PDB file of N, CA and C in Angstrom:
ATOM      1  N   MET A   1     -21.464  -9.513 -99.016  1.00  0.00           N
ATOM      2  CA  MET A   1     -20.159  -9.088 -99.978  1.00  0.00           C
ATOM      3  C   MET A   1     -19.180  -9.732 -98.711  1.00  0.00           C
ATOM      4  N   ASN A   2     -19.396 -10.390 -97.753  1.00  0.00           N
ATOM      5  CA  ASN A   2     -18.049 -10.599 -96.652  1.00  0.00           C
ATOM      6  C   ASN A   2     -17.897 -12.286 -96.719  1.00  0.00           C
ATOM      7  N   GLU A   3     -18.808 -12.680 -97.590  1.00  0.00           N
ATOM      8  CA  GLU A   3     -18.726 -14.185 -97.988  1.00  0.00           C
ATOM      9  C   GLU A   3     -17.341 -14.345 -98.512  1.00  0.00           C
ATOM     10  N   PRO A   4     -16.654 -15.496 -98.546  1.00  0.00           N
ATOM     11  CA  PRO A   4     -15.228 -15.841 -98.982  1.00  0.00           C
ATOM     12  C   PRO A   4     -15.419 -16.100-100.503  1.00  0.00           C
ATOM     13  N   ILE A   5     -14.924 -16.135-101.368  1.00  0.00           N
ATOM     14  CA  ILE A   5     -14.965 -16.404-102.583  1.00  0.00           C
ATOM     15  C   ILE A   5     -14.650 -17.867-102.827  1.00  0.00           C
ATOM     16  N   GLU A   6     -15.277 -18.646-103.245  1.00  0.00           N
ATOM     17  CA  GLU A   6     -14.882 -20.590-103.814  1.00  0.00           C
ATOM     18  C   GLU A   6     -14.254 -20.783-104.867  1.00  0.00           C
ATOM     19  N   PHE A   7     -12.939 -20.576-104.699  1.00  0.00           N
ATOM     20  CA  PHE A   7     -12.299 -21.047-106.180  1.00  0.00           C
ATOM     21  C   PHE A   7     -12.407 -22.695-106.622  1.00  0.00           C
ATOM     22  N   PRO A   8     -12.390 -22.868-107.583  1.00  0.00           N
ATOM     23  CA  PRO A   8     -12.413 -24.422-108.085  1.00  0.00           C
ATOM     24  C   PRO A   8     -10.986 -25.098-107.556  1.00  0.00           C
ATOM     25  N   ASP A   9     -10.888 -26.532-107.374  1.00  0.00           N
ATOM     26  CA  ASP A   9      -9.542 -27.060-107.344  1.00  0.00           C
ATOM     27  C   ASP A   9      -8.975 -27.026-108.862  1.00  0.00           C
ATOM     28  N   LEU A  10      -7.719 -26.718-108.662  1.00  0.00           N
ATOM     29  CA  LEU A  10      -6.440 -26.089-109.166  1.00  0.00           C
ATOM     30  C   LEU A  10      -5.174 -26.810-109.051  1.00  0.00           C
ATOM     31  N   HIS A  11      -4.402 -27.406-110.033  1.00  0.00           N
ATOM     32  CA  HIS A  11      -3.906 -28.109-110.092  1.00  0.00           C
ATOM     33  C   HIS A  11      -2.519 -27.929-111.394  1.00  0.00           C
ATOM     34  N   GLU A  12      -1.312 -27.823-111.018  1.00  0.00           N
ATOM     35  CA  GLU A  12      -0.316 -27.452-112.310  1.00  0.00           C
ATOM     36  C   GLU A  12       1.052 -28.361-111.874  1.00  0.00           C
ATOM     37  N   SER A  13       1.655 -29.076-113.249  1.00  0.00           N
ATOM     38  CA  SER A  13       3.023 -29.554-112.959  1.00  0.00           C
ATOM     39  C   SER A  13       3.350 -28.901-114.631  1.00  0.00           C
ATOM     40  N   ILE A  14       4.464 -29.380-114.637  1.00  0.00           N
ATOM     41  CA  ILE A  14       5.456 -29.772-116.034  1.00  0.00           C
ATOM     42  C   ILE A  14       5.776 -30.770-116.002  1.00  0.00           C
ATOM     43  N   LEU A  15       5.335 -31.671-117.498  1.00  0.00           N
ATOM     44  CA  LEU A  15       5.019 -32.754-117.843  1.00  0.00           C
ATOM     45  C   LEU A  15       6.381 -32.709-118.626  1.00  0.00           C
ATOM     46  N   ASP A  16       6.986 -34.377-118.503  1.00  0.00           N
ATOM     47  CA  ASP A  16       7.932 -34.552-119.917  1.00  0.00           C
ATOM     48  C   ASP A  16       7.171 -35.058-121.242  1.00  0.00           C
ATOM     49  N   GLU A  17       7.623 -35.140-122.286  1.00  0.00           N
ATOM     50  CA  GLU A  17       6.959 -36.226-123.592  1.00  0.00           C
ATOM     51  C   GLU A  17       6.434 -37.302-122.737  1.00  0.00           C
ATOM     52  N   ALA A  18       6.807 -37.904-122.217  1.00  0.00           N
ATOM     53  CA  ALA A  18       6.671 -39.746-121.644  1.00  0.00           C
ATOM     54  C   ALA A  18       5.158 -39.132-121.146  1.00  0.00           C
ATOM     55  N   ARG A  19       5.368 -38.248-120.037  1.00  0.00           N
ATOM     56  CA  ARG A  19       4.090 -37.807-119.133  1.00  0.00           C
ATOM     57  C   ARG A  19       2.746 -37.273-119.906  1.00  0.00           C
ATOM     58  N   LEU A  20       3.333 -36.566-120.783  1.00  0.00           N
ATOM     59  CA  LEU A  20       2.207 -36.189-121.711  1.00  0.00           C
ATOM     60  C   LEU A  20       1.555 -36.823-122.428  1.00  0.00           C
ATOM     61  N   ASP A  21       2.267 -38.092-123.194  1.00  0.00           N
ATOM     62  CA  ASP A  21       1.673 -39.210-123.947  1.00  0.00           C
ATOM     63  C   ASP A  21       0.878 -39.984-123.032  1.00  0.00           C
ATOM     64  N   ALA A  22       1.447 -40.169-121.342  1.00  0.00           N
ATOM     65  CA  ALA A  22       0.573 -40.802-120.637  1.00  0.00           C
ATOM     66  C   ALA A  22      -0.518 -40.333-120.289  1.00  0.00           C
ATOM     67  N   LEU A  23      -0.638 -38.779-119.794  1.00  0.00           N
ATOM     68  CA  LEU A  23      -1.887 -37.965-119.840  1.00  0.00           C
ATOM     69  C   LEU A  23      -2.999 -38.164-120.874  1.00  0.00           C
ATOM     70  N   PHE A  24      -2.467 -37.847-122.099  1.00  0.00           N
ATOM     71  CA  PHE A  24      -3.518 -38.240-123.380  1.00  0.00           C
ATOM     72  C   PHE A  24      -4.439 -39.487-123.175  1.00  0.00           C
ATOM     73  N   ASN A  25      -3.205 -40.422-123.304  1.00  0.00           N
ATOM     74  CA  ASN A  25      -3.832 -41.869-123.272  1.00  0.00           C
ATOM     75  C   ASN A  25      -4.630 -42.252-122.356  1.00  0.00           C
ATOM     76  N   ASP A  26      -4.364 -41.802-120.758  1.00  0.00           N
ATOM     77  CA  ASP A  26      -5.356 -42.064-119.621  1.00  0.00           C
ATOM     78  C   ASP A  26      -6.972 -41.231-119.912  1.00  0.00           C
ATOM     79  N   ILE A  27      -6.791 -39.904-120.629  1.00  0.00           N
ATOM     80  CA  ILE A  27      -7.966 -39.118-120.707  1.00  0.00           C
ATOM     81  C   ILE A  27      -8.796 -40.018-122.019  1.00  0.00           C
ATOM     82  N   ALA A  28      -8.020 -40.341-123.484  1.00  0.00           N
ATOM     83  CA  ALA A  28      -8.887 -41.184-124.065  1.00  0.00           C
ATOM     84  C   ALA A  28      -9.281 -42.366-123.610  1.00  0.00           C
ATOM     85  N   MET A  29      -8.666 -43.365-122.697  1.00  0.00           N
ATOM     86  CA  MET A  29      -8.793 -44.682-122.180  1.00  0.00           C
ATOM     87  C   MET A  29     -10.409 -44.250-120.942  1.00  0.00           C
ATOM     88  N   GLU A  30      -9.859 -43.201-120.048  1.00  0.00           N
ATOM     89  CA  GLU A  30     -10.935 -43.625-119.087  1.00  0.00           C
ATOM     90  C   GLU A  30     -11.646 -42.499-118.965  1.00  0.00           C
ATOM     91  N   ALA A  31     -12.157 -41.164-119.703  1.00  0.00           N
ATOM     92  CA  ALA A  31     -12.503 -40.167-119.457  1.00  0.00           C
ATOM     93  C   ALA A  31     -13.556 -40.058-120.897  1.00  0.00           C
ATOM     94  N   GLN A  32     -14.572 -39.088-120.488  1.00  0.00           N
ATOM     95  CA  GLN A  32     -15.639 -38.689-121.663  1.00  0.00           C
ATOM     96  C   GLN A  32     -14.880 -37.311-122.272  1.00  0.00           C
ATOM     97  N   VAL A  33     -14.573 -37.289-123.051  1.00  0.00           N
ATOM     98  CA  VAL A  33     -13.851 -36.084-123.716  1.00  0.00           C
ATOM     99  C   VAL A  33     -14.803 -35.286-124.209  1.00  0.00           C
ATOM    100  N   LEU A  34     -15.575 -34.027-123.856  1.00  0.00           N
ATOM    101  CA  LEU A  34     -15.988 -33.138-124.082  1.00  0.00           C
ATOM    102  C   LEU A  34     -16.005 -32.167-125.489  1.00  0.00           C
ATOM    103  N   SER A  35     -14.730 -31.379-125.387  1.00  0.00           N
ATOM    104  CA  SER A  35     -14.174 -30.609-126.344  1.00  0.00           C
ATOM    105  C   SER A  35     -12.537 -30.709-126.246  1.00  0.00           C
ATOM    106  N   VAL A  36     -12.284 -30.468-127.285  1.00  0.00           N
ATOM    107  CA  VAL A  36     -10.542 -30.220-127.754  1.00  0.00           C
ATOM    108  C   VAL A  36     -10.204 -28.914-128.080  1.00  0.00           C
ATOM    109  N   LEU A  37      -9.743 -27.916-127.655  1.00  0.00           N
ATOM    110  CA  LEU A  37      -9.552 -26.456-128.306  1.00  0.00           C
ATOM    111  C   LEU A  37      -7.924 -26.134-128.490  1.00  0.00           C
ATOM    112  N   LEU A  38      -8.033 -25.632-129.593  1.00  0.00           N
ATOM    113  CA  LEU A  38      -6.510 -25.304-129.906  1.00  0.00           C
ATOM    114  C   LEU A  38      -6.083 -24.243-129.882  1.00  0.00           C
ATOM    115  N   LYS A  39      -4.814 -23.443-129.529  1.00  0.00           N
ATOM    116  CA  LYS A  39      -4.474 -22.255-129.568  1.00  0.00           C
ATOM    117  C   LYS A  39      -3.265 -22.129-130.516  1.00  0.00           C
ATOM    118  N   GLY A  40      -3.404 -21.226-131.225  1.00  0.00           N
ATOM    119  CA  GLY A  40      -2.198 -21.094-132.547  1.00  0.00           C
ATOM    120  C   GLY A  40      -1.327 -20.306-131.958  1.00  0.00           C
ATOM    121  N   GLY A  41      -1.584 -19.282-131.598  1.00  0.00           N
ATOM    122  CA  GLY A  41      -0.530 -18.217-131.127  1.00  0.00           C
ATOM    123  C   GLY A  41      -1.054 -16.913-130.205  1.00  0.00           C
ATOM    124  N   ALA A  42      -0.664 -16.638-129.516  1.00  0.00           N
ATOM    125  CA  ALA A  42      -0.418 -15.572-128.378  1.00  0.00           C
ATOM    126  C   ALA A  42      -1.679 -14.621-128.785  1.00  0.00           C
ATOM    127  N   GLU A  43      -1.800 -14.148-130.337  1.00  0.00           N
ATOM    128  CA  GLU A  43      -2.914 -13.280-130.683  1.00  0.00           C
ATOM    129  C   GLU A  43      -4.157 -13.967-131.369  1.00  0.00           C
ATOM    130  N   VAL A  44      -4.260 -15.138-131.411  1.00  0.00           N
ATOM    131  CA  VAL A  44      -4.936 -15.947-132.044  1.00  0.00           C
ATOM    132  C   VAL A  44      -6.371 -16.770-131.069  1.00  0.00           C
ATOM    133  N   LEU A  45      -7.301 -16.584-131.175  1.00  0.00           N
ATOM    134  CA  LEU A  45      -8.386 -17.116-130.311  1.00  0.00           C
ATOM    135  C   LEU A  45      -8.280 -18.632-130.503  1.00  0.00           C
ATOM    136  N   ALA A  46      -8.606 -19.229-129.375  1.00  0.00           N
ATOM    137  CA  ALA A  46      -8.995 -20.929-129.299  1.00  0.00           C
ATOM    138  C   ALA A  46      -9.825 -21.374-130.435  1.00  0.00           C
ATOM    139  N   GLU A  47      -9.722 -22.628-130.935  1.00  0.00           N
ATOM    140  CA  GLU A  47     -10.416 -23.149-131.763  1.00  0.00           C
ATOM    141  C   GLU A  47     -10.640 -24.535-131.493  1.00  0.00           C
ATOM    142  N   GLY A  48     -11.519 -25.271-132.437  1.00  0.00           N
ATOM    143  CA  GLY A  48     -11.540 -26.705-132.382  1.00  0.00           C
ATOM    144  C   GLY A  48     -12.991 -27.314-132.099  1.00  0.00           C
ATOM    145  N   GLY A  49     -13.072 -28.413-132.005  1.00  0.00           N
ATOM    146  CA  GLY A  49     -14.572 -29.231-131.148  1.00  0.00           C
ATOM    147  C   GLY A  49     -14.708 -30.140-132.344  1.00  0.00           C
ATOM    148  N   ASP A  50     -13.840 -30.305-133.133  1.00  0.00           N
ATOM    149  CA  ASP A  50     -13.821 -31.310-133.852  1.00  0.00           C
ATOM    150  C   ASP A  50     -12.350 -31.972-134.392  1.00  0.00           C
ATOM    151  N   VAL A  51     -11.700 -31.729-133.571  1.00  0.00           N
ATOM    152  CA  VAL A  51     -10.008 -32.078-133.036  1.00  0.00           C
ATOM    153  C   VAL A  51     -10.303 -33.082-132.328  1.00  0.00           C
ATOM    154  N   ALA A  52      -9.355 -34.199-133.016  1.00  0.00           N
ATOM    155  CA  ALA A  52      -9.384 -35.583-132.174  1.00  0.00           C
ATOM    156  C   ALA A  52      -8.207 -35.208-131.254  1.00  0.00           C
ATOM    157  N   LEU A  53      -8.380 -36.099-130.050  1.00  0.00           N
ATOM    158  CA  LEU A  53      -7.479 -35.740-128.913  1.00  0.00           C
ATOM    159  C   LEU A  53      -6.062 -36.205-129.385  1.00  0.00           C
ATOM    160  N   SER A  54      -5.753 -37.416-130.242  1.00  0.00           N
ATOM    161  CA  SER A  54      -4.385 -37.857-130.881  1.00  0.00           C
ATOM    162  C   SER A  54      -3.739 -36.829-131.715  1.00  0.00           C
ATOM    163  N   GLU A  55      -4.588 -35.810-132.568  1.00  0.00           N
ATOM    164  CA  GLU A  55      -4.307 -34.777-133.467  1.00  0.00           C
ATOM    165  C   GLU A  55      -3.924 -33.535-133.117  1.00  0.00           C
ATOM    166  N   ALA A  56      -4.752 -33.406-131.603  1.00  0.00           N
ATOM    167  CA  ALA A  56      -4.361 -32.456-130.499  1.00  0.00           C
ATOM    168  C   ALA A  56      -2.868 -32.575-130.054  1.00  0.00           C
ATOM    169  N   LEU A  57      -2.458 -33.877-129.783  1.00  0.00           N
ATOM    170  CA  LEU A  57      -1.320 -34.274-128.958  1.00  0.00           C
ATOM    171  C   LEU A  57      -0.466 -33.823-130.019  1.00  0.00           C
ATOM    172  N   SER A  58      -0.404 -34.759-130.823  1.00  0.00           N
ATOM    173  CA  SER A  58       0.622 -34.386-132.350  1.00  0.00           C
ATOM    174  C   SER A  58       1.135 -32.983-132.810  1.00  0.00           C
ATOM    175  N   MET A  59      -0.281 -32.249-132.742  1.00  0.00           N
ATOM    176  CA  MET A  59      -0.185 -30.578-133.114  1.00  0.00           C
ATOM    177  C   MET A  59       0.593 -30.204-132.107  1.00  0.00           C
ATOM    178  N   LEU A  60       0.495 -30.392-130.703  1.00  0.00           N
ATOM    179  CA  LEU A  60       1.371 -29.568-129.404  1.00  0.00           C
ATOM    180  C   LEU A  60       2.666 -30.166-129.466  1.00  0.00           C
ATOM    181  N   LYS A  61       2.758 -31.395-129.825  1.00  0.00           N
ATOM    182  CA  LYS A  61       4.256 -31.796-129.669  1.00  0.00           C
ATOM    183  C   LYS A  61       4.992 -31.300-130.789  1.00  0.00           C
ATOM    184  N   GLU A  62       4.861 -31.159-132.336  1.00  0.00           N
ATOM    185  CA  GLU A  62       5.095 -30.821-133.342  1.00  0.00           C
ATOM    186  C   GLU A  62       5.545 -29.314-133.465  1.00  0.00           C
ATOM    187  N   GLY A  63       4.868 -28.733-132.096  1.00  0.00           N
ATOM    188  CA  GLY A  63       4.774 -27.063-132.271  1.00  0.00           C
ATOM    189  C   GLY A  63       3.719 -26.511-133.304  1.00  0.00           C
ATOM    190  N   ARG A  64       3.050 -26.919-133.814  1.00  0.00           N
ATOM    191  CA  ARG A  64       1.834 -26.537-134.571  1.00  0.00           C
ATOM    192  C   ARG A  64       0.836 -25.768-133.784  1.00  0.00           C
ATOM    193  N   VAL A  65       0.400 -25.879-132.635  1.00  0.00           N
ATOM    194  CA  VAL A  65      -0.227 -25.254-131.884  1.00  0.00           C
ATOM    195  C   VAL A  65       0.596 -24.799-130.666  1.00  0.00           C
ATOM    196  N   ARG A  66       0.146 -23.471-129.809  1.00  0.00           N
ATOM    197  CA  ARG A  66       0.439 -22.951-128.989  1.00  0.00           C
ATOM    198  C   ARG A  66       0.397 -23.775-127.352  1.00  0.00           C
ATOM    199  N   ALA A  67      -0.953 -24.123-127.903  1.00  0.00           N
ATOM    200  CA  ALA A  67      -1.687 -24.869-126.485  1.00  0.00           C
ATOM    201  C   ALA A  67      -2.534 -25.817-126.912  1.00  0.00           C
ATOM    202  N   VAL A  68      -3.472 -26.517-126.172  1.00  0.00           N
ATOM    203  CA  VAL A  68      -4.334 -27.103-126.355  1.00  0.00           C
ATOM    204  C   VAL A  68      -5.202 -27.686-125.204  1.00  0.00           C
ATOM    205  N   GLN A  69      -6.700 -26.972-125.038  1.00  0.00           N
ATOM    206  CA  GLN A  69      -7.211 -27.171-124.207  1.00  0.00           C
ATOM    207  C   GLN A  69      -8.558 -28.686-123.858  1.00  0.00           C
ATOM    208  N   VAL A  70      -8.328 -29.380-123.006  1.00  0.00           N
ATOM    209  CA  VAL A  70      -9.192 -30.571-123.236  1.00  0.00           C
ATOM    210  C   VAL A  70     -10.462 -30.023-122.071  1.00  0.00           C
ATOM    211  N   ARG A  71     -11.577 -30.743-122.496  1.00  0.00           N
ATOM    212  CA  ARG A  71     -12.411 -30.589-121.344  1.00  0.00           C
ATOM    213  C   ARG A  71     -13.049 -31.958-121.474  1.00  0.00           C
ATOM    214  N   TYR A  72     -13.392 -32.796-119.959  1.00  0.00           N
ATOM    215  CA  TYR A  72     -13.988 -33.957-120.011  1.00  0.00           C
ATOM    216  C   TYR A  72     -14.245 -33.963-118.652  1.00  0.00           C
ATOM    217  N   VAL A  73     -14.659 -35.478-118.716  1.00  0.00           N
ATOM    218  CA  VAL A  73     -15.640 -35.726-117.167  1.00  0.00           C
ATOM    219  C   VAL A  73     -14.840 -36.938-117.088  1.00  0.00           C
ATOM    220  N   HIS A  74     -14.405 -37.326-115.807  1.00  0.00           N
ATOM    221  CA  HIS A  74     -13.769 -38.618-115.287  1.00  0.00           C
ATOM    222  C   HIS A  74     -14.208 -38.497-113.901  1.00  0.00           C
ATOM    223  N   ARG A  75     -15.103 -39.903-114.009  1.00  0.00           N
ATOM    224  CA  ARG A  75     -15.625 -40.153-112.572  1.00  0.00           C
ATOM    225  C   ARG A  75     -16.307 -39.437-112.283  1.00  0.00           C
ATOM    226  N   GLY A  76     -17.437 -38.738-112.733  1.00  0.00           N
ATOM    227  CA  GLY A  76     -18.716 -38.354-112.598  1.00  0.00           C
ATOM    228  C   GLY A  76     -18.150 -36.257-112.611  1.00  0.00           C
ATOM    229  N   LYS A  77     -16.578 -36.432-112.623  1.00  0.00           N
ATOM    230  CA  LYS A  77     -16.586 -34.622-112.111  1.00  0.00           C
ATOM    231  C   LYS A  77     -15.902 -34.260-113.204  1.00  0.00           C
ATOM    232  N   ALA A  78     -15.982 -33.192-114.088  1.00  0.00           N
ATOM    233  CA  ALA A  78     -15.850 -32.267-115.288  1.00  0.00           C
ATOM    234  C   ALA A  78     -14.364 -31.745-114.556  1.00  0.00           C
ATOM    235  N   TRP A  79     -13.581 -31.890-115.676  1.00  0.00           N
ATOM    236  CA  TRP A  79     -12.295 -31.207-115.372  1.00  0.00           C
ATOM    237  C   TRP A  79     -11.900 -30.395-116.845  1.00  0.00           C
ATOM    238  N   THR A  80     -11.182 -29.556-116.522  1.00  0.00           N
ATOM    239  CA  THR A  80     -10.454 -28.840-117.936  1.00  0.00           C
ATOM    240  C   THR A  80      -8.871 -28.812-117.553  1.00  0.00           C
ATOM    241  N   ASP A  81      -8.261 -29.244-118.520  1.00  0.00           N
ATOM    242  CA  ASP A  81      -6.933 -29.493-118.602  1.00  0.00           C
ATOM    243  C   ASP A  81      -6.270 -28.775-119.834  1.00  0.00           C
ATOM    244  N   THR A  82      -5.350 -27.527-119.743  1.00  0.00           N
ATOM    245  CA  THR A  82      -4.660 -26.602-120.487  1.00  0.00           C
ATOM    246  C   THR A  82      -3.193 -27.281-120.593  1.00  0.00           C
ATOM    247  N   LEU A  83      -3.006 -27.468-121.763  1.00  0.00           N
ATOM    248  CA  LEU A  83      -1.437 -27.850-121.765  1.00  0.00           C
ATOM    249  C   LEU A  83      -0.676 -26.805-122.630  1.00  0.00           C
ATOM    250  N   LEU A  84       0.687 -26.438-122.266  1.00  0.00           N
ATOM    251  CA  LEU A  84       1.146 -25.453-122.980  1.00  0.00           C
ATOM    252  C   LEU A  84       2.473 -26.199-123.462  1.00  0.00           C
ATOM    253  N   ARG A  85       3.545 -25.941-124.317  1.00  0.00           N
ATOM    254  CA  ARG A  85       4.550 -26.271-124.794  1.00  0.00           C
ATOM    255  C   ARG A  85       5.386 -24.989-123.934  1.00  0.00           C
ATOM    256  N   THR A  86       6.367 -25.741-123.479  1.00  0.00           N
ATOM    257  CA  THR A  86       7.688 -24.745-122.641  1.00  0.00           C
ATOM    258  C   THR A  86       9.010 -25.035-123.323  1.00  0.00           C
ATOM    259  N   ALA A  87       9.942 -24.306-122.286  1.00  0.00           N
ATOM    260  CA  ALA A  87      11.185 -24.970-122.956  1.00  0.00           C
ATOM    261  C   ALA A  87      11.701 -26.191-122.257  1.00  0.00           C
ATOM    262  N   SER A  88      11.019 -26.465-121.141  1.00  0.00           N
ATOM    263  CA  SER A  88      11.476 -27.189-120.079  1.00  0.00           C
ATOM    264  C   SER A  88      10.577 -28.629-120.018  1.00  0.00           C
ATOM    265  N   GLY A  89       9.315 -28.466-121.055  1.00  0.00           N
ATOM    266  CA  GLY A  89       8.467 -29.541-121.374  1.00  0.00           C
ATOM    267  C   GLY A  89       7.309 -29.197-121.499  1.00  0.00           C
ATOM    268  N   TYR A  90       6.323 -29.489-120.841  1.00  0.00           N
ATOM    269  CA  TYR A  90       4.716 -29.450-121.325  1.00  0.00           C
ATOM    270  C   TYR A  90       4.117 -28.989-119.794  1.00  0.00           C
ATOM    271  N   ARG A  91       3.600 -27.691-119.549  1.00  0.00           N
ATOM    272  CA  ARG A  91       3.095 -27.343-118.640  1.00  0.00           C
ATOM    273  C   ARG A  91       1.654 -27.353-118.649  1.00  0.00           C
ATOM    274  N   VAL A  92       0.965 -28.205-117.656  1.00  0.00           N
ATOM    275  CA  VAL A  92      -0.429 -28.706-117.849  1.00  0.00           C
ATOM    276  C   VAL A  92      -0.979 -27.845-116.321  1.00  0.00           C
ATOM    277  N   VAL A  93      -2.077 -27.135-116.234  1.00  0.00           N
ATOM    278  CA  VAL A  93      -2.651 -26.715-115.405  1.00  0.00           C
ATOM    279  C   VAL A  93      -4.288 -27.385-115.866  1.00  0.00           C
ATOM    280  N   ARG A  94      -4.962 -27.898-114.622  1.00  0.00           N
ATOM    281  CA  ARG A  94      -5.719 -28.539-114.216  1.00  0.00           C
ATOM    282  C   ARG A  94      -6.851 -27.690-113.327  1.00  0.00           C
ATOM    283  N   ILE A  95      -8.291 -27.521-113.572  1.00  0.00           N
ATOM    284  CA  ILE A  95      -8.997 -27.269-112.724  1.00  0.00           C
ATOM    285  C   ILE A  95     -10.280 -28.065-113.199  1.00  0.00           C
ATOM    286  N   ALA A  96     -10.768 -27.908-111.738  1.00  0.00           N
ATOM    287  CA  ALA A  96     -12.465 -28.579-111.609  1.00  0.00           C
ATOM    288  C   ALA A  96     -13.354 -27.862-111.998  1.00  0.00           C
ATOM    289  N   ALA A  97     -14.269 -28.275-112.969  1.00  0.00           N
ATOM    290  CA  ALA A  97     -15.198 -27.202-113.437  1.00  0.00           C
ATOM    291  C   ALA A  97     -16.471 -26.957-112.536  1.00  0.00           C
TER     292      ALA A  97
END
Protein backbone atom coordinates (compact mmCIF):
# COMPACT_ATOMS: atom_id res chain seq x y z
CA MET A 1 0.00 0.00 0.00
CA ASN A 2 3.01 2.34 0.12
CA GLU A 3 3.58 2.29 -3.62
CA PRO A 4 2.75 5.55 -5.37
CA ILE A 5 -0.31 5.67 -7.59
CA GLU A 6 0.62 6.03 -11.25
CA PHE A 7 -1.63 8.40 -13.13
CA PRO A 8 -1.86 8.50 -16.93
CA ASP A 9 -0.63 11.47 -18.97
CA LEU A 10 -3.17 14.30 -18.79
CA HIS A 11 -3.25 17.53 -20.80
CA GLU A 12 -5.77 20.38 -20.70
CA SER A 13 -6.28 23.48 -22.82
CA ILE A 14 -8.82 25.96 -24.17
CA LEU A 15 -9.21 26.01 -27.96
CA ASP A 16 -10.79 28.60 -30.21
CA GLU A 17 -13.04 27.42 -33.05
CA ALA A 18 -10.21 27.31 -35.61
CA ARG A 19 -8.07 25.13 -33.35
CA LEU A 20 -11.07 22.93 -32.56
CA ASP A 21 -11.58 22.38 -36.30
CA ALA A 22 -7.86 21.61 -36.71
CA LEU A 23 -7.95 19.10 -33.85
CA PHE A 24 -10.91 17.22 -35.32
CA ASN A 25 -9.26 17.27 -38.76
CA ASP A 26 -6.00 15.90 -37.33
CA ILE A 27 -7.84 13.10 -35.53
CA ALA A 28 -9.80 12.24 -38.68
CA MET A 29 -6.68 12.21 -40.88
CA GLU A 30 -4.02 10.81 -38.55
CA ALA A 31 -5.73 8.53 -36.01
CA GLN A 32 -7.88 5.43 -35.79
CA VAL A 33 -11.13 6.54 -34.14
CA LEU A 34 -12.46 3.92 -31.74
CA SER A 35 -15.60 5.69 -30.50
CA VAL A 36 -17.36 9.03 -30.34
CA LEU A 37 -19.62 9.72 -27.35
CA LEU A 38 -22.01 12.65 -26.89
CA LYS A 39 -23.03 14.32 -23.63
CA GLY A 40 -26.36 16.06 -23.95
CA GLY A 41 -26.62 17.79 -20.57
CA ALA A 42 -25.63 17.75 -16.93
CA GLU A 43 -28.07 14.96 -16.06
CA VAL A 44 -27.81 13.03 -19.33
CA LEU A 45 -25.49 10.04 -19.72
CA ALA A 46 -23.02 9.93 -22.60
CA GLU A 47 -24.22 8.14 -25.70
CA GLY A 48 -22.90 7.44 -29.15
CA GLY A 49 -20.71 4.99 -30.96
CA ASP A 50 -22.39 5.38 -34.33
CA VAL A 51 -21.83 9.15 -34.49
CA ALA A 52 -19.42 10.35 -37.17
CA LEU A 53 -16.60 12.59 -36.01
CA SER A 54 -17.77 15.41 -38.30
CA GLU A 55 -21.34 15.17 -36.95
CA ALA A 56 -20.08 15.32 -33.35
CA LEU A 57 -18.07 18.44 -34.19
CA SER A 58 -21.11 20.13 -35.73
CA MET A 59 -23.29 19.21 -32.77
CA LEU A 60 -20.74 20.60 -30.30
CA LYS A 61 -20.27 23.87 -32.22
CA GLU A 62 -24.03 24.35 -32.62
CA GLY A 63 -24.64 23.71 -28.92
CA ARG A 64 -26.77 20.60 -29.54
CA VAL A 65 -24.56 18.64 -27.13
CA ARG A 66 -22.69 19.76 -24.04
CA ALA A 67 -19.59 17.68 -24.66
CA VAL A 68 -17.99 15.19 -27.03
CA GLN A 69 -15.62 12.40 -26.06
CA VAL A 70 -13.40 10.89 -28.75
CA ARG A 71 -11.41 7.73 -28.11
CA TYR A 72 -8.71 7.02 -30.66
CA VAL A 73 -5.29 5.50 -31.33
CA HIS A 74 -2.49 7.69 -32.67
CA ARG A 75 0.98 6.30 -33.40
CA GLY A 76 0.22 3.18 -31.40
CA LYS A 77 -0.96 4.97 -28.26
CA ALA A 78 -4.59 5.16 -27.10
CA TRP A 79 -6.01 8.57 -26.17
CA THR A 80 -9.31 9.98 -24.96
CA ASP A 81 -10.15 13.62 -25.71
CA THR A 82 -13.09 15.18 -23.91
CA LEU A 83 -14.24 18.49 -25.42
CA LEU A 84 -16.63 20.83 -23.65
CA ARG A 85 -18.14 24.04 -24.94
CA THR A 86 -17.33 27.00 -22.63
CA ALA A 87 -17.93 30.76 -22.68
CA SER A 88 -14.33 31.34 -23.78
CA GLY A 89 -14.01 28.56 -26.36
CA TYR A 90 -13.73 24.79 -26.13
CA ARG A 91 -12.03 23.06 -23.22
CA VAL A 92 -10.15 19.92 -24.17
CA VAL A 93 -8.97 17.36 -21.64
CA ARG A 94 -6.71 14.71 -23.15
CA ILE A 95 -5.75 11.59 -21.28
CA ALA A 96 -3.54 8.69 -22.32
CA ALA A 97 -5.48 5.46 -22.02
